[in-house]
């Protein structure tokens, strides 16, 4: 019996060696095939045949750490080029694979959500990011993406909640400022519905979140005016403008329409006059001239207008109002020509945007707290 075993051992060893050699050859051939497929896919990309490349990559048999990262980058490349459908095909294929590690799956889900977001499919993007947070509740990028979605959907309560999760993506001050803006949006809705008590509660939450907010002061002024407290409202508006001079452009029409009594207009005139003397801001000078016309003080402004036109830095807006003032004062024959010039300037000014985002340069006719192009808050100011 032992002699038989002795003779069988070499045979068993040889059989095992042959089987191992066969498996090694199969693995090598498979690797060559996979490597060849990968190279073929890259060649299709270089030859501007992305659909053929996608067919190769999506039929890739095995995914490891390196190929998964490559596919993620490839999908992101398609998305950045605006080829959202191709990006979606790659990232959906990745998410559906069972051989991904947890980190790879989270990265693929994040990329898939960003594809949906870029395509404007906000409900699908929200579902993906929400699912991702179930696997990783502290995933800051998913929180930030959800915050952007809730901003676009104007779901301010959800935006407040998710911003707490996304806090680590921003500084403490930026985080507090965002929270305040969301509360201010909710307070504005309550003011429009004349729910003054709930509006006051929400404004107080905004003030607590970010005490330095000029927008909170504007809303307090709106609330005071809604309650008939005109003196307190006007004082609060002036306080907000003193804190952020850009707000005068946003509030000016509202101020002159709501506070149209002579004593109220005089308070506004004195306030803007002091601000202009202090800053020499040409934008303020146009508002000052409009108030002077309402108060019948154009004659008093003549010398100041001439100095501003010759020595200052006039803007299109100040040229319009300056020509308007001078044409009403001059009574020579050239008055008709001045009137024609004034009309041309007014038409030109009406066609120009009044506000511009300091972050992306987007121009607009009305003031907005949040730029509609780059979605940044507090970046809009007078042109």
Protein backbone atom coordinates (compact mmCIF):
# COMPACT_ATOMS: atom_id res chain seq x y z
CA UNK A 1 0.00 0.00 0.00
CA UNK A 2 2.78 2.40 0.88
CA UNK A 3 4.58 1.52 -2.37
CA UNK A 4 1.44 2.44 -4.36
CA UNK A 5 1.20 5.79 -2.52
CA UNK A 6 4.85 6.38 -3.23
CA UNK A 7 4.28 5.99 -6.95
CA UNK A 8 1.08 8.11 -6.91
CA UNK A 9 2.71 11.14 -5.27
CA UNK A 10 4.69 12.25 -8.36
CA UNK A 11 1.60 11.77 -10.50
CA UNK A 12 -0.50 13.92 -8.14
CA UNK A 13 2.22 16.56 -8.02
CA UNK A 14 2.45 16.62 -11.82
CA UNK A 15 -1.34 16.87 -12.20
CA UNK A 16 -1.49 19.77 -9.72
CA UNK A 17 1.33 21.54 -11.49
CA UNK A 18 -0.40 21.17 -14.84
CA UNK A 19 -3.71 22.47 -13.45
CA UNK A 20 -1.97 25.48 -11.86
CA UNK A 21 -0.14 26.16 -15.09
CA UNK A 22 -3.41 26.02 -17.01
CA UNK A 23 -5.10 28.43 -14.60
CA UNK A 24 -2.11 30.77 -14.84
CA UNK A 25 -2.31 30.74 -18.63
CA UNK A 26 -6.05 31.42 -18.51
CA UNK A 27 -5.51 34.36 -16.13
CA UNK A 28 -2.76 35.74 -18.32
CA UNK A 29 -4.89 35.41 -21.42
CA UNK A 30 -7.81 37.07 -19.61
CA UNK A 31 -5.60 39.92 -18.46
CA UNK A 32 -4.33 40.39 -22.00
CA UNK A 33 -7.91 40.40 -23.26
CA UNK A 34 -8.98 42.94 -20.61
CA UNK A 35 -5.92 45.06 -21.26
CA UNK A 36 -6.60 44.91 -24.98
CA UNK A 37 -10.21 45.99 -24.42
CA UNK A 38 -9.06 48.92 -22.31
CA UNK A 39 -6.58 50.03 -24.96
CA UNK A 40 -9.21 49.62 -27.64
CA UNK A 41 -11.60 51.82 -25.67
CA UNK A 42 -8.94 54.51 -25.26
CA UNK A 43 -8.24 54.38 -28.99
CA UNK A 44 -11.93 54.93 -29.73
CA UNK A 45 -11.89 57.97 -27.47
CA UNK A 46 -8.82 59.38 -29.21
CA UNK A 47 -10.48 58.74 -32.56
CA UNK A 48 -13.53 60.80 -31.48
CA UNK A 49 -15.76 57.72 -31.37
CA UNK A 50 -17.13 58.01 -27.81
CA UNK A 51 -20.11 55.68 -28.29
CA UNK A 52 -17.87 52.79 -29.39
CA UNK A 53 -15.59 53.55 -26.44
CA UNK A 54 -18.59 53.44 -24.10
CA UNK A 55 -19.65 50.04 -25.43
CA UNK A 56 -16.16 48.72 -24.68
CA UNK A 57 -15.94 50.18 -21.20
CA UNK A 58 -19.47 49.25 -20.15
CA UNK A 59 -18.83 45.61 -21.09
CA UNK A 60 -15.60 45.53 -19.10
CA UNK A 61 -15.69 42.22 -17.19
CA UNK A 62 -13.90 43.11 -13.96
CA UNK A 63 -13.56 46.30 -11.95
CA UNK A 64 -10.67 46.97 -9.60
CA UNK A 65 -9.61 50.15 -7.80
CA UNK A 66 -7.75 51.57 -10.77
CA UNK A 67 -10.34 50.84 -13.45
CA UNK A 68 -13.13 52.16 -11.20
CA UNK A 69 -11.26 55.46 -10.76
CA UNK A 70 -10.62 55.58 -14.50
CA UNK A 71 -14.31 55.13 -15.28
CA UNK A 72 -15.27 57.80 -12.74
CA UNK A 73 -12.86 60.26 -14.32
CA UNK A 74 -14.11 59.36 -17.77
CA UNK A 75 -17.72 59.97 -16.75
CA UNK A 76 -16.79 63.28 -15.15
CA UNK A 77 -14.99 64.25 -18.34
CA UNK A 78 -18.14 63.62 -20.38
CA UNK A 79 -20.23 65.64 -17.89
CA UNK A 80 -17.81 68.58 -17.98
CA UNK A 81 -18.05 68.52 -21.78
CA UNK A 82 -21.84 68.68 -21.53
CA UNK A 83 -22.32 65.08 -22.68
CA UNK A 84 -24.59 64.20 -19.78
CA UNK A 85 -26.17 61.11 -21.33
CA UNK A 86 -22.79 59.44 -21.76
CA UNK A 87 -21.76 60.38 -18.23
CA UNK A 88 -25.00 58.88 -16.92
CA UNK A 89 -24.41 55.60 -18.79
CA UNK A 90 -20.97 55.19 -17.25
CA UNK A 91 -21.93 56.10 -13.68
CA UNK A 92 -25.18 54.09 -13.72
CA UNK A 93 -23.21 51.08 -14.95
CA UNK A 94 -20.72 51.52 -12.11
CA UNK A 95 -23.40 51.82 -9.42
CA UNK A 96 -25.10 48.64 -10.69
CA UNK A 97 -21.94 46.53 -10.37
CA UNK A 98 -21.69 44.16 -7.41
CA UNK A 99 -17.89 44.02 -7.28
CA UNK A 100 -17.33 47.62 -6.08
CA UNK A 101 -15.95 48.44 -2.68
CA UNK A 102 -17.98 50.73 -0.39
CA UNK A 103 -15.79 53.75 -1.13
CA UNK A 104 -16.02 53.10 -4.88
CA UNK A 105 -19.81 52.79 -4.69
CA UNK A 106 -20.11 56.06 -2.74
CA UNK A 107 -17.92 57.83 -5.28
CA UNK A 108 -20.00 56.43 -8.15
CA UNK A 109 -23.26 57.49 -6.49
CA UNK A 110 -21.90 61.01 -5.91
CA UNK A 111 -20.91 61.24 -9.57
CA UNK A 112 -24.32 59.92 -10.67
CA UNK A 113 -26.10 62.51 -8.53
CA UNK A 114 -23.95 65.26 -10.02
CA UNK A 115 -24.91 64.02 -13.51
CA UNK A 116 -28.61 64.31 -12.68
CA UNK A 117 -28.04 67.73 -11.12
CA UNK A 118 -26.21 68.98 -14.22
CA UNK A 119 -29.06 67.68 -16.38
CA UNK A 120 -31.59 69.63 -14.30
CA UNK A 121 -33.21 66.42 -13.04
CA UNK A 122 -33.33 67.69 -9.47
CA UNK A 123 -35.74 65.07 -8.14
CA UNK A 124 -33.51 62.24 -9.38
CA UNK A 125 -30.41 63.98 -8.03
CA UNK A 126 -32.08 64.47 -4.63
CA UNK A 127 -32.95 60.75 -4.48
CA UNK A 128 -29.36 59.72 -5.23
CA UNK A 129 -27.79 62.10 -2.71
CA UNK A 130 -30.34 61.13 -0.04
CA UNK A 131 -29.56 57.45 -0.64
CA UNK A 132 -25.85 58.22 -0.41
CA UNK A 133 -26.35 59.90 2.98
CA UNK A 134 -28.02 56.74 4.28
CA UNK A 135 -24.73 54.92 3.70
CA UNK A 136 -22.58 57.83 4.89
CA UNK A 137 -24.50 60.41 6.99
CA UNK A 138 -21.42 62.67 7.21
CA UNK A 139 -20.77 62.84 3.47
CA UNK A 140 -20.12 66.59 3.15
CA UNK A 141 -20.22 66.74 -0.67
CA UNK A 142 -23.63 65.08 -0.80
CA UNK A 143 -24.89 67.52 1.84
CA UNK A 144 -23.60 70.46 -0.17
CA UNK A 145 -25.26 69.19 -3.34
CA UNK A 146 -28.57 68.74 -1.52
CA UNK A 147 -28.25 72.28 -0.15
CA UNK A 148 -27.92 73.60 -3.71
CA UNK A 149 -30.96 71.58 -4.80
CA UNK A 150 -33.12 72.91 -1.96
CA UNK A 151 -32.00 76.45 -2.80
CA UNK A 152 -33.14 76.05 -6.38
CA UNK A 153 -36.43 74.50 -5.30
CA UNK A 154 -36.92 77.24 -2.65
CA UNK A 155 -37.40 74.60 0.03
CA UNK A 156 -35.85 76.79 2.68
CA UNK A 157 -36.68 74.61 5.71
CA UNK A 158 -34.86 71.67 4.13
CA UNK A 159 -32.00 73.98 3.14
CA UNK A 160 -31.59 75.07 6.76
CA UNK A 161 -31.54 71.46 7.95
CA UNK A 162 -29.06 70.20 5.37
CA UNK A 163 -26.75 73.21 5.80
CA UNK A 164 -25.98 71.93 9.29
CA UNK A 165 -24.61 68.79 7.64
CA UNK A 166 -22.63 70.77 5.04
CA UNK A 167 -21.07 73.10 7.62
CA UNK A 168 -17.58 71.61 7.33
CA UNK A 169 -17.50 72.67 3.66
CA UNK A 170 -17.62 76.36 4.64
CA UNK A 171 -16.26 78.76 7.22
CA UNK A 172 -18.32 79.39 10.34
CA UNK A 173 -19.26 82.91 9.14
CA UNK A 174 -20.38 81.70 5.69
CA UNK A 175 -22.42 78.94 7.28
CA UNK A 176 -24.18 81.40 9.59
CA UNK A 177 -24.79 83.84 6.72
CA UNK A 178 -26.47 81.12 4.63
CA UNK A 179 -28.72 80.09 7.48
CA UNK A 180 -29.74 83.74 7.96
CA UNK A 181 -30.60 84.11 4.27
CA UNK A 182 -32.80 81.01 4.38
CA UNK A 183 -34.67 82.36 7.41
CA UNK A 184 -35.00 85.70 5.62
CA UNK A 185 -36.57 83.96 2.61
CA UNK A 186 -39.09 82.30 4.93
CA UNK A 187 -39.76 85.63 6.67
CA UNK A 188 -40.37 87.32 3.30
CA UNK A 189 -42.98 84.68 2.47
CA UNK A 190 -44.71 85.32 5.80
CA UNK A 191 -44.69 89.09 5.20
CA UNK A 192 -46.27 88.60 1.79
CA UNK A 193 -49.04 86.59 3.47
CA UNK A 194 -49.39 89.29 6.17
CA UNK A 195 -48.51 86.75 8.87
CA UNK A 196 -46.68 89.43 10.84
CA UNK A 197 -46.23 87.47 14.08
CA UNK A 198 -44.69 84.47 12.32
CA UNK A 199 -42.60 86.84 10.21
CA UNK A 200 -41.20 88.45 13.36
CA UNK A 201 -40.33 85.06 14.85
CA UNK A 202 -38.49 84.05 11.69
CA UNK A 203 -36.64 87.38 11.46
CA UNK A 204 -35.45 86.89 15.03
CA UNK A 205 -34.10 83.45 14.10
CA UNK A 206 -32.22 85.01 11.19
CA UNK A 207 -30.79 87.70 13.47
CA UNK A 208 -29.69 85.06 15.95
CA UNK A 209 -28.01 83.03 13.22
CA UNK A 210 -26.09 85.99 11.76
CA UNK A 211 -26.35 89.26 13.74
CA UNK A 212 -24.23 91.17 11.16
CA UNK A 213 -26.80 90.69 8.36
CA UNK A 214 -28.01 93.91 6.72
CA UNK A 215 -30.84 91.94 5.15
CA UNK A 216 -32.26 91.20 8.60
CA UNK A 217 -32.42 94.94 9.29
CA UNK A 218 -34.26 95.49 5.98
CA UNK A 219 -36.82 92.86 6.98
CA UNK A 220 -37.25 94.50 10.39
CA UNK A 221 -37.96 97.74 8.53
CA UNK A 222 -40.46 95.95 6.27
CA UNK A 223 -42.17 94.53 9.35
CA UNK A 224 -42.33 97.94 11.05
CA UNK A 225 -43.82 99.51 7.91
CA UNK A 226 -46.40 96.71 7.66
CA UNK A 227 -47.42 97.53 11.24
CA UNK A 228 -47.76 101.23 10.41
CA UNK A 229 -44.64 102.27 12.32
CA UNK A 230 -43.33 104.58 9.60
CA UNK A 231 -40.72 106.41 11.69
CA UNK A 232 -39.17 103.18 12.99
CA UNK A 233 -39.27 101.68 9.51
CA UNK A 234 -37.48 104.62 7.89
CA UNK A 235 -34.83 104.61 10.60
CA UNK A 236 -34.25 100.89 10.13
CA UNK A 237 -33.94 101.28 6.35
CA UNK A 238 -31.33 103.99 6.86
CA UNK A 239 -29.49 101.76 9.31
CA UNK A 240 -29.40 98.92 6.77
CA UNK A 241 -28.14 101.24 4.00
CA UNK A 242 -25.49 102.62 6.37
CA UNK A 243 -24.35 99.05 6.96
CA UNK A 244 -24.37 98.13 3.25
CA UNK A 245 -24.54 101.04 0.79
CA UNK A 246 -25.47 98.72 -2.09
CA UNK A 247 -28.95 98.45 -0.60
CA UNK A 248 -29.83 102.03 -1.55
CA UNK A 249 -30.13 100.97 -5.19
CA UNK A 250 -32.43 98.13 -4.18
CA UNK A 251 -34.56 100.18 -1.79
CA UNK A 252 -34.67 103.62 -3.40
CA UNK A 253 -37.91 103.27 -5.40
CA UNK A 254 -39.60 101.64 -2.43
CA UNK A 255 -38.43 104.41 -0.10
CA UNK A 256 -39.56 107.35 -2.22
CA UNK A 257 -42.93 105.70 -2.89
CA UNK A 258 -43.63 104.67 0.70
CA UNK A 259 -42.15 107.70 2.46
CA UNK A 260 -43.51 110.47 0.27
CA UNK A 261 -44.33 113.04 2.95
CA UNK A 262 -42.16 116.21 2.84
CA UNK A 263 -40.56 115.59 6.23
CA UNK A 264 -39.80 111.96 5.31
CA UNK A 265 -38.32 112.92 1.95
CA UNK A 266 -36.24 115.57 3.70
CA UNK A 267 -34.85 112.93 6.07
CA UNK A 268 -33.94 110.77 3.09
CA UNK A 269 -32.36 113.73 1.29
CA UNK A 270 -30.18 114.64 4.28
CA UNK A 271 -29.21 110.99 4.76
CA UNK A 272 -28.15 110.50 1.11
CA UNK A 273 -26.43 113.89 1.03
CA UNK A 274 -24.27 112.96 4.03
CA UNK A 275 -23.48 109.56 2.53
CA UNK A 276 -22.44 111.17 -0.77
CA UNK A 277 -20.24 113.78 0.90
CA UNK A 278 -18.57 111.00 2.87
CA UNK A 279 -18.02 108.54 0.01
CA UNK A 280 -18.24 110.64 -3.19
CA UNK A 281 -19.96 107.63 -4.72
CA UNK A 282 -21.39 108.60 -8.13
CA UNK A 283 -24.19 106.08 -7.69
CA UNK A 284 -25.47 108.03 -4.67
CA UNK A 285 -25.42 111.31 -6.58
CA UNK A 286 -28.12 110.12 -8.99
CA UNK A 287 -30.41 109.25 -6.06
CA UNK A 288 -29.63 112.59 -4.46
CA UNK A 289 -30.73 114.47 -7.59
CA UNK A 290 -33.99 112.53 -7.72
CA UNK A 291 -34.75 113.47 -4.13
CA UNK A 292 -33.83 117.10 -4.82
CA UNK A 293 -36.35 117.18 -7.70
CA UNK A 294 -39.10 115.80 -5.46
CA UNK A 295 -38.30 118.44 -2.81
CA UNK A 296 -37.96 121.29 -5.30
CA UNK A 297 -34.28 121.80 -4.53
CA UNK A 298 -32.84 121.53 -8.02
CA UNK A 299 -31.64 125.13 -8.00
CA UNK A 300 -29.65 124.48 -4.84
CA UNK A 301 -27.97 121.53 -6.56
CA UNK A 302 -26.80 123.37 -9.68
CA UNK A 303 -23.28 124.18 -8.48
CA UNK A 304 -22.85 120.71 -7.05
CA UNK A 305 -23.94 119.17 -10.36
CA UNK A 306 -21.48 121.26 -12.36
CA UNK A 307 -18.63 120.31 -10.01
CA UNK A 308 -19.57 116.64 -10.24
CA UNK A 309 -19.67 116.72 -14.04
CA UNK A 310 -16.34 118.49 -14.37
CA UNK A 311 -14.34 117.07 -11.47
CA UNK A 312 -16.11 113.92 -10.32
CA UNK A 313 -16.60 110.49 -11.86
CA UNK A 314 -20.10 110.65 -13.35
CA UNK A 315 -21.96 107.48 -14.28
CA UNK A 316 -24.64 107.07 -16.92
CA UNK A 317 -27.26 107.33 -14.20
CA UNK A 318 -25.90 110.62 -12.87
CA UNK A 319 -25.58 112.01 -16.40
CA UNK A 320 -29.26 111.28 -17.00
CA UNK A 321 -30.41 113.05 -13.85
CA UNK A 322 -27.90 115.88 -14.23
CA UNK A 323 -29.10 116.62 -17.78
CA UNK A 324 -32.67 116.43 -16.53
CA UNK A 325 -31.92 119.02 -13.85
CA UNK A 326 -29.98 121.36 -16.14
CA UNK A 327 -32.59 121.22 -18.91
CA UNK A 328 -35.26 122.28 -16.43
CA UNK A 329 -33.12 125.23 -15.28
CA UNK A 330 -31.74 126.50 -18.59
CA UNK A 331 -34.17 128.62 -20.58
CA UNK A 332 -32.00 129.58 -23.53
CA UNK A 333 -32.68 128.43 -27.10
CA UNK A 334 -30.30 125.53 -26.58
CA UNK A 335 -32.84 124.08 -24.24
CA UNK A 336 -34.39 122.02 -27.06
CA UNK A 337 -31.05 120.46 -27.83
CA UNK A 338 -30.52 119.71 -24.15
CA UNK A 339 -33.96 118.08 -24.02
CA UNK A 340 -33.07 115.89 -26.98
CA UNK A 341 -29.81 114.91 -25.31
CA UNK A 342 -31.69 114.15 -22.12
CA UNK A 343 -34.18 111.92 -23.98
CA UNK A 344 -31.35 110.01 -25.66
CA UNK A 345 -29.58 109.50 -22.33
CA UNK A 346 -32.77 108.29 -20.66
CA UNK A 347 -33.35 105.74 -23.43
CA UNK A 348 -29.76 104.56 -23.13
CA UNK A 349 -29.98 104.30 -19.35
CA UNK A 350 -33.27 102.37 -19.53
CA UNK A 351 -31.65 99.74 -21.75
CA UNK A 352 -28.72 99.20 -19.38
CA UNK A 353 -28.83 96.80 -16.40
CA UNK A 354 -28.71 98.47 -13.02
CA UNK A 355 -27.03 95.69 -11.07
CA UNK A 356 -24.16 93.26 -11.57
CA UNK A 357 -22.85 90.24 -9.70
CA UNK A 358 -19.36 90.86 -8.39
CA UNK A 359 -18.59 87.13 -8.45
CA UNK A 360 -19.49 86.10 -12.02
CA UNK A 361 -20.27 89.42 -13.73
CA UNK A 362 -23.90 88.58 -14.53
CA UNK A 363 -25.96 91.76 -15.08
CA UNK A 364 -29.60 92.29 -14.16
CA UNK A 365 -32.20 95.05 -13.95
CA UNK A 366 -33.44 94.31 -10.43
CA UNK A 367 -31.58 93.64 -7.20
CA UNK A 368 -31.44 90.04 -6.02
CA UNK A 369 -29.90 88.71 -2.84
CA UNK A 370 -28.74 85.60 -4.70
CA UNK A 371 -27.20 85.76 -8.18
CA UNK A 372 -29.30 83.64 -10.57
CA UNK A 373 -26.21 82.71 -12.60
CA UNK A 374 -23.56 81.63 -10.08
CA UNK A 375 -25.97 81.18 -7.11
CA UNK A 376 -23.76 83.19 -4.75
CA UNK A 377 -25.35 85.26 -1.99
CA UNK A 378 -24.60 88.98 -1.30
CA UNK A 379 -22.55 89.51 -4.47
CA UNK A 380 -24.91 91.84 -6.40
CA UNK A 381 -24.33 95.60 -6.44
CA UNK A 382 -25.08 98.66 -8.58
CA UNK A 383 -23.34 98.86 -11.93
